[in-house]
PDB file of all heavy atoms in Angstrom:
ATOM      1  N   GLY A   1      17.004 -12.740  -1.205  1.00  0.00           N
ATOM      2  CA  GLY A   1      16.745 -11.393  -1.453  1.00  0.00           C
ATOM      3  C   GLY A   1      15.368 -11.005  -1.941  1.00  0.00           C
ATOM      4  O   GLY A   1      15.069  -9.850  -2.169  1.00  0.00           O
ATOM      5  N   ILE A   2      14.623 -12.036  -2.232  1.00  0.00           N
ATOM      6  CA  ILE A   2      13.295 -11.874  -2.802  1.00  0.00           C
ATOM      7  C   ILE A   2      12.232 -11.746  -1.806  1.00  0.00           C
ATOM      8  O   ILE A   2      12.090 -12.626  -1.006  1.00  0.00           O
ATOM      9  CB  ILE A   2      12.937 -12.989  -3.821  1.00  0.00           C
ATOM     10  CG1 ILE A   2      14.062 -13.093  -4.891  1.00  0.00           C
ATOM     11  CG2 ILE A   2      11.563 -12.886  -4.381  1.00  0.00           C
ATOM     12  CD1 ILE A   2      13.869 -14.265  -5.848  1.00  0.00           C
ATOM     13  N   THR A   3      11.471 -10.676  -1.820  1.00  0.00           N
ATOM     14  CA  THR A   3      10.318 -10.509  -0.928  1.00  0.00           C
ATOM     15  C   THR A   3       9.122 -11.309  -1.325  1.00  0.00           C
ATOM     16  O   THR A   3       8.771 -11.182  -2.510  1.00  0.00           O
ATOM     17  CB  THR A   3       9.876  -9.029  -0.802  1.00  0.00           C
ATOM     18  OG1 THR A   3      11.116  -8.295  -0.400  1.00  0.00           O
ATOM     19  CG2 THR A   3       8.878  -8.764   0.282  1.00  0.00           C
ATOM     20  N   PRO A   4       8.518 -12.106  -0.547  1.00  0.00           N
ATOM     21  CA  PRO A   4       7.297 -12.915  -0.882  1.00  0.00           C
ATOM     22  C   PRO A   4       6.196 -11.879  -1.466  1.00  0.00           C
ATOM     23  O   PRO A   4       6.086 -10.791  -0.948  1.00  0.00           O
ATOM     24  CB  PRO A   4       6.913 -13.511   0.447  1.00  0.00           C
ATOM     25  CG  PRO A   4       8.140 -13.543   1.265  1.00  0.00           C
ATOM     26  CD  PRO A   4       8.853 -12.379   0.923  1.00  0.00           C
ATOM     27  N   VAL A   5       5.490 -12.373  -2.455  1.00  0.00           N
ATOM     28  CA  VAL A   5       4.367 -11.654  -3.052  1.00  0.00           C
ATOM     29  C   VAL A   5       3.429 -11.196  -2.050  1.00  0.00           C
ATOM     30  O   VAL A   5       2.892  -9.999  -1.955  1.00  0.00           O
ATOM     31  CB  VAL A   5       3.715 -12.449  -4.132  1.00  0.00           C
ATOM     32  CG1 VAL A   5       2.505 -11.700  -4.594  1.00  0.00           C
ATOM     33  CG2 VAL A   5       4.671 -12.745  -5.299  1.00  0.00           C
ATOM     34  N   SER A   6       3.039 -12.079  -1.057  1.00  0.00           N
ATOM     35  CA  SER A   6       2.013 -11.614  -0.051  1.00  0.00           C
ATOM     36  C   SER A   6       2.475 -10.441   0.757  1.00  0.00           C
ATOM     37  O   SER A   6       1.664  -9.501   1.097  1.00  0.00           O
ATOM     38  CB  SER A   6       1.762 -12.791   0.856  1.00  0.00           C
ATOM     39  OG  SER A   6       3.025 -13.162   1.478  1.00  0.00           O
ATOM     40  N   THR A   7       3.815 -10.355   1.109  1.00  0.00           N
ATOM     41  CA  THR A   7       4.332  -9.320   1.876  1.00  0.00           C
ATOM     42  C   THR A   7       4.352  -7.992   0.972  1.00  0.00           C
ATOM     43  O   THR A   7       4.001  -6.930   1.531  1.00  0.00           O
ATOM     44  CB  THR A   7       5.768  -9.578   2.312  1.00  0.00           C
ATOM     45  OG1 THR A   7       5.849 -10.828   3.021  1.00  0.00           O
ATOM     46  CG2 THR A   7       6.417  -8.504   3.243  1.00  0.00           C
ATOM     47  N   LEU A   8       4.655  -8.108  -0.307  1.00  0.00           N
ATOM     48  CA  LEU A   8       4.653  -6.955  -1.113  1.00  0.00           C
ATOM     49  C   LEU A   8       3.185  -6.353  -1.140  1.00  0.00           C
ATOM     50  O   LEU A   8       2.921  -5.242  -1.135  1.00  0.00           O
ATOM     51  CB  LEU A   8       5.092  -7.357  -2.559  1.00  0.00           C
ATOM     52  CG  LEU A   8       6.524  -7.489  -2.799  1.00  0.00           C
ATOM     53  CD1 LEU A   8       6.868  -8.032  -4.140  1.00  0.00           C
ATOM     54  CD2 LEU A   8       7.352  -6.145  -2.501  1.00  0.00           C
ATOM     55  N   ASN A   9       2.174  -7.272  -1.300  1.00  0.00           N
ATOM     56  CA  ASN A   9       0.866  -6.749  -1.412  1.00  0.00           C
ATOM     57  C   ASN A   9       0.387  -6.007  -0.096  1.00  0.00           C
ATOM     58  O   ASN A   9      -0.330  -5.073  -0.085  1.00  0.00           O
ATOM     59  CB  ASN A   9      -0.097  -7.958  -1.645  1.00  0.00           C
ATOM     60  CG  ASN A   9      -0.038  -8.436  -3.101  1.00  0.00           C
ATOM     61  OD1 ASN A   9       0.477  -7.766  -3.937  1.00  0.00           O
ATOM     62  ND2 ASN A   9      -0.334  -9.725  -3.291  1.00  0.00           N
ATOM     63  N   GLU A  10       0.791  -6.618   1.020  1.00  0.00           N
ATOM     64  CA  GLU A  10       0.594  -5.909   2.288  1.00  0.00           C
ATOM     65  C   GLU A  10       1.107  -4.645   2.416  1.00  0.00           C
ATOM     66  O   GLU A  10       0.588  -3.647   2.936  1.00  0.00           O
ATOM     67  CB  GLU A  10       1.065  -6.812   3.440  1.00  0.00           C
ATOM     68  CG  GLU A  10       0.198  -8.125   3.629  1.00  0.00           C
ATOM     69  CD  GLU A  10       0.900  -9.136   4.644  1.00  0.00           C
ATOM     70  OE1 GLU A  10       1.908  -8.657   5.169  1.00  0.00           O
ATOM     71  OE2 GLU A  10       0.346 -10.271   4.791  1.00  0.00           O
ATOM     72  N   LYS A  11       2.398  -4.464   1.986  1.00  0.00           N
ATOM     73  CA  LYS A  11       3.084  -3.203   2.040  1.00  0.00           C
ATOM     74  C   LYS A  11       2.342  -2.178   1.078  1.00  0.00           C
ATOM     75  O   LYS A  11       2.157  -0.952   1.481  1.00  0.00           O
ATOM     76  CB  LYS A  11       4.553  -3.265   1.608  1.00  0.00           C
ATOM     77  CG  LYS A  11       5.435  -4.072   2.551  1.00  0.00           C
ATOM     78  CD  LYS A  11       6.833  -4.136   2.048  1.00  0.00           C
ATOM     79  CE  LYS A  11       7.814  -4.771   3.061  1.00  0.00           C
ATOM     80  NZ  LYS A  11       9.136  -4.901   2.613  1.00  0.00           N
ATOM     81  N   ARG A  12       1.981  -2.563  -0.044  1.00  0.00           N
ATOM     82  CA  ARG A  12       1.254  -1.651  -0.955  1.00  0.00           C
ATOM     83  C   ARG A  12      -0.065  -1.307  -0.498  1.00  0.00           C
ATOM     84  O   ARG A  12      -0.410  -0.133  -0.602  1.00  0.00           O
ATOM     85  CB  ARG A  12       1.098  -2.368  -2.379  1.00  0.00           C
ATOM     86  CG  ARG A  12       2.415  -2.457  -3.111  1.00  0.00           C
ATOM     87  CD  ARG A  12       2.029  -3.290  -4.449  1.00  0.00           C
ATOM     88  NE  ARG A  12       3.381  -3.491  -5.098  1.00  0.00           N
ATOM     89  CZ  ARG A  12       3.553  -4.419  -6.066  1.00  0.00           C
ATOM     90  NH1 ARG A  12       2.568  -5.318  -6.309  1.00  0.00           N
ATOM     91  NH2 ARG A  12       4.715  -4.487  -6.718  1.00  0.00           N
ATOM     92  N   LEU A  13      -0.805  -2.119   0.254  1.00  0.00           N
ATOM     93  CA  LEU A  13      -2.023  -1.790   0.863  1.00  0.00           C
ATOM     94  C   LEU A  13      -1.770  -0.665   1.930  1.00  0.00           C
ATOM     95  O   LEU A  13      -2.533   0.312   1.930  1.00  0.00           O
ATOM     96  CB  LEU A  13      -2.674  -2.975   1.445  1.00  0.00           C
ATOM     97  CG  LEU A  13      -4.045  -2.869   2.058  1.00  0.00           C
ATOM     98  CD1 LEU A  13      -5.105  -2.250   1.087  1.00  0.00           C
ATOM     99  CD2 LEU A  13      -4.528  -4.072   2.731  1.00  0.00           C
ATOM    100  N   THR A  14      -0.810  -0.799   2.719  1.00  0.00           N
ATOM    101  CA  THR A  14      -0.520   0.182   3.704  1.00  0.00           C
ATOM    102  C   THR A  14      -0.177   1.496   3.112  1.00  0.00           C
ATOM    103  O   THR A  14      -0.769   2.517   3.675  1.00  0.00           O
ATOM    104  CB  THR A  14       0.722  -0.318   4.697  1.00  0.00           C
ATOM    105  OG1 THR A  14       0.317  -1.575   5.208  1.00  0.00           O
ATOM    106  CG2 THR A  14       0.966   0.688   5.761  1.00  0.00           C
ATOM    107  N   VAL A  15       0.699   1.568   2.152  1.00  0.00           N
ATOM    108  CA  VAL A  15       1.014   2.795   1.476  1.00  0.00           C
ATOM    109  C   VAL A  15      -0.226   3.385   0.817  1.00  0.00           C
ATOM    110  O   VAL A  15      -0.433   4.645   0.918  1.00  0.00           O
ATOM    111  CB  VAL A  15       2.051   2.576   0.321  1.00  0.00           C
ATOM    112  CG1 VAL A  15       2.264   3.753  -0.504  1.00  0.00           C
ATOM    113  CG2 VAL A  15       3.421   2.110   0.990  1.00  0.00           C
ATOM    114  N   TYR A  16      -1.105   2.545   0.259  1.00  0.00           N
ATOM    115  CA  TYR A  16      -2.363   3.135  -0.367  1.00  0.00           C
ATOM    116  C   TYR A  16      -3.148   3.845   0.697  1.00  0.00           C
ATOM    117  O   TYR A  16      -3.686   4.904   0.458  1.00  0.00           O
ATOM    118  CB  TYR A  16      -3.134   1.927  -0.963  1.00  0.00           C
ATOM    119  CG  TYR A  16      -4.420   2.332  -1.589  1.00  0.00           C
ATOM    120  CD1 TYR A  16      -4.395   2.810  -3.025  1.00  0.00           C
ATOM    121  CD2 TYR A  16      -5.575   2.382  -0.974  1.00  0.00           C
ATOM    122  CE1 TYR A  16      -5.624   3.245  -3.489  1.00  0.00           C
ATOM    123  CE2 TYR A  16      -6.772   2.738  -1.479  1.00  0.00           C
ATOM    124  CZ  TYR A  16      -6.803   3.216  -2.806  1.00  0.00           C
ATOM    125  OH  TYR A  16      -7.930   3.613  -3.298  1.00  0.00           O
ATOM    126  N   CYS A  17      -3.384   3.258   1.853  1.00  0.00           N
ATOM    127  CA  CYS A  17      -4.223   3.814   2.887  1.00  0.00           C
ATOM    128  C   CYS A  17      -3.682   5.076   3.373  1.00  0.00           C
ATOM    129  O   CYS A  17      -4.436   6.112   3.699  1.00  0.00           O
ATOM    130  CB  CYS A  17      -4.394   2.804   4.014  1.00  0.00           C
ATOM    131  SG  CYS A  17      -5.366   1.334   3.563  1.00  0.00           S
ATOM    132  N   GLU A  18      -2.357   5.194   3.451  1.00  0.00           N
ATOM    133  CA  GLU A  18      -1.700   6.418   4.082  1.00  0.00           C
ATOM    134  C   GLU A  18      -1.631   7.648   3.039  1.00  0.00           C
ATOM    135  O   GLU A  18      -1.766   8.669   3.406  1.00  0.00           O
ATOM    136  CB  GLU A  18      -0.352   6.090   4.619  1.00  0.00           C
ATOM    137  CG  GLU A  18      -0.371   5.152   5.780  1.00  0.00           C
ATOM    138  CD  GLU A  18       1.034   4.789   6.247  1.00  0.00           C
ATOM    139  OE1 GLU A  18       1.972   5.127   5.557  1.00  0.00           O
ATOM    140  OE2 GLU A  18       1.101   4.085   7.320  1.00  0.00           O
ATOM    141  N   GLU A  19      -1.316   7.216   1.825  1.00  0.00           N
ATOM    142  CA  GLU A  19      -0.912   8.238   0.849  1.00  0.00           C
ATOM    143  C   GLU A  19      -2.120   8.553  -0.141  1.00  0.00           C
ATOM    144  O   GLU A  19      -1.888   9.645  -0.836  1.00  0.00           O
ATOM    145  CB  GLU A  19       0.312   7.825  -0.005  1.00  0.00           C
ATOM    146  CG  GLU A  19       1.496   7.706   0.877  1.00  0.00           C
ATOM    147  CD  GLU A  19       2.750   7.452   0.102  1.00  0.00           C
ATOM    148  OE1 GLU A  19       2.771   7.465  -1.179  1.00  0.00           O
ATOM    149  OE2 GLU A  19       3.858   7.291   0.749  1.00  0.00           O
ATOM    150  N   HIS A  20      -3.176   7.944  -0.126  1.00  0.00           N
ATOM    151  CA  HIS A  20      -4.218   8.187  -1.028  1.00  0.00           C
ATOM    152  C   HIS A  20      -5.403   8.936  -0.229  1.00  0.00           C
ATOM    153  O   HIS A  20      -6.507   9.123  -0.885  1.00  0.00           O
ATOM    154  CB  HIS A  20      -4.692   6.885  -1.721  1.00  0.00           C
ATOM    155  CG  HIS A  20      -3.736   6.533  -2.857  1.00  0.00           C
ATOM    156  ND1 HIS A  20      -2.453   6.112  -2.523  1.00  0.00           N
ATOM    157  CD2 HIS A  20      -3.929   6.398  -4.055  1.00  0.00           C
ATOM    158  CE1 HIS A  20      -1.859   5.710  -3.713  1.00  0.00           C
ATOM    159  NE2 HIS A  20      -2.781   5.989  -4.608  1.00  0.00           N
ATOM    160  N   SER A  21      -5.186   9.410   0.921  1.00  0.00           N
ATOM    161  CA  SER A  21      -6.276  10.089   1.603  1.00  0.00           C
ATOM    162  C   SER A  21      -6.709  11.334   0.829  1.00  0.00           C
ATOM    163  O   SER A  21      -7.872  11.743   0.995  1.00  0.00           O
ATOM    164  CB  SER A  21      -5.789  10.422   3.033  1.00  0.00           C
ATOM    165  OG  SER A  21      -4.725  11.364   3.003  1.00  0.00           O
ATOM    166  N   PHE A  22      -5.795  11.998   0.157  1.00  0.00           N
ATOM    167  CA  PHE A  22      -6.168  13.194  -0.650  1.00  0.00           C
ATOM    168  C   PHE A  22      -7.202  12.883  -1.656  1.00  0.00           C
ATOM    169  O   PHE A  22      -8.196  13.604  -1.820  1.00  0.00           O
ATOM    170  CB  PHE A  22      -4.954  13.809  -1.372  1.00  0.00           C
ATOM    171  CG  PHE A  22      -5.296  14.921  -2.204  1.00  0.00           C
ATOM    172  CD1 PHE A  22      -5.285  16.204  -1.720  1.00  0.00           C
ATOM    173  CD2 PHE A  22      -5.598  14.687  -3.590  1.00  0.00           C
ATOM    174  CE1 PHE A  22      -5.641  17.271  -2.488  1.00  0.00           C
ATOM    175  CE2 PHE A  22      -5.872  15.739  -4.371  1.00  0.00           C
ATOM    176  CZ  PHE A  22      -5.945  17.069  -3.937  1.00  0.00           C
ATOM    177  N   PHE A  23      -7.016  11.739  -2.319  1.00  0.00           N
ATOM    178  CA  PHE A  23      -7.968  11.371  -3.347  1.00  0.00           C
ATOM    179  C   PHE A  23      -9.352  10.901  -2.741  1.00  0.00           C
ATOM    180  O   PHE A  23     -10.432  11.131  -3.299  1.00  0.00           O
ATOM    181  CB  PHE A  23      -7.376  10.203  -4.246  1.00  0.00           C
ATOM    182  CG  PHE A  23      -6.130  10.579  -4.807  1.00  0.00           C
ATOM    183  CD1 PHE A  23      -4.943  10.008  -4.327  1.00  0.00           C
ATOM    184  CD2 PHE A  23      -5.900  11.568  -5.824  1.00  0.00           C
ATOM    185  CE1 PHE A  23      -3.619  10.280  -4.776  1.00  0.00           C
ATOM    186  CE2 PHE A  23      -4.708  11.802  -6.256  1.00  0.00           C
ATOM    187  CZ  PHE A  23      -3.593  11.210  -5.890  1.00  0.00           C
ATOM    188  N   THR A  24      -9.272  10.312  -1.543  1.00  0.00           N
ATOM    189  CA  THR A  24     -10.538   9.987  -0.818  1.00  0.00           C
ATOM    190  C   THR A  24     -11.286  11.155  -0.471  1.00  0.00           C
ATOM    191  O   THR A  24     -12.457  11.334  -0.575  1.00  0.00           O
ATOM    192  CB  THR A  24     -10.188   9.142   0.428  1.00  0.00           C
ATOM    193  OG1 THR A  24      -9.520   7.962  -0.025  1.00  0.00           O
ATOM    194  CG2 THR A  24     -11.468   8.808   1.176  1.00  0.00           C
ATOM    195  N   ALA A  25     -10.609  12.230   0.047  1.00  0.00           N
ATOM    196  CA  ALA A  25     -11.186  13.456   0.409  1.00  0.00           C
ATOM    197  C   ALA A  25     -11.824  14.145  -0.793  1.00  0.00           C
ATOM    198  O   ALA A  25     -12.961  14.692  -0.729  1.00  0.00           O
ATOM    199  CB  ALA A  25     -10.227  14.378   1.105  1.00  0.00           C
ATOM    200  N   TYR A  26     -11.113  14.059  -1.899  1.00  0.00           N
ATOM    201  CA  TYR A  26     -11.736  14.671  -3.218  1.00  0.00           C
ATOM    202  C   TYR A  26     -13.024  13.963  -3.514  1.00  0.00           C
ATOM    203  O   TYR A  26     -14.107  14.640  -3.793  1.00  0.00           O
ATOM    204  CB  TYR A  26     -10.714  14.587  -4.347  1.00  0.00           C
ATOM    205  CG  TYR A  26     -11.157  15.368  -5.522  1.00  0.00           C
ATOM    206  CD1 TYR A  26     -10.669  16.634  -5.854  1.00  0.00           C
ATOM    207  CD2 TYR A  26     -12.003  14.769  -6.444  1.00  0.00           C
ATOM    208  CE1 TYR A  26     -11.080  17.282  -6.961  1.00  0.00           C
ATOM    209  CE2 TYR A  26     -12.430  15.449  -7.623  1.00  0.00           C
ATOM    210  CZ  TYR A  26     -11.926  16.658  -7.814  1.00  0.00           C
ATOM    211  OH  TYR A  26     -12.324  17.373  -9.035  1.00  0.00           O
TER     212      TYR A  26
END
């Protein structure tokens, strides 16, 4: 049930790109 660290980092990177566009625009 443990997700590999590399996969977690990839998921976080995707979320960062999609959900932080507001901060980039600012």
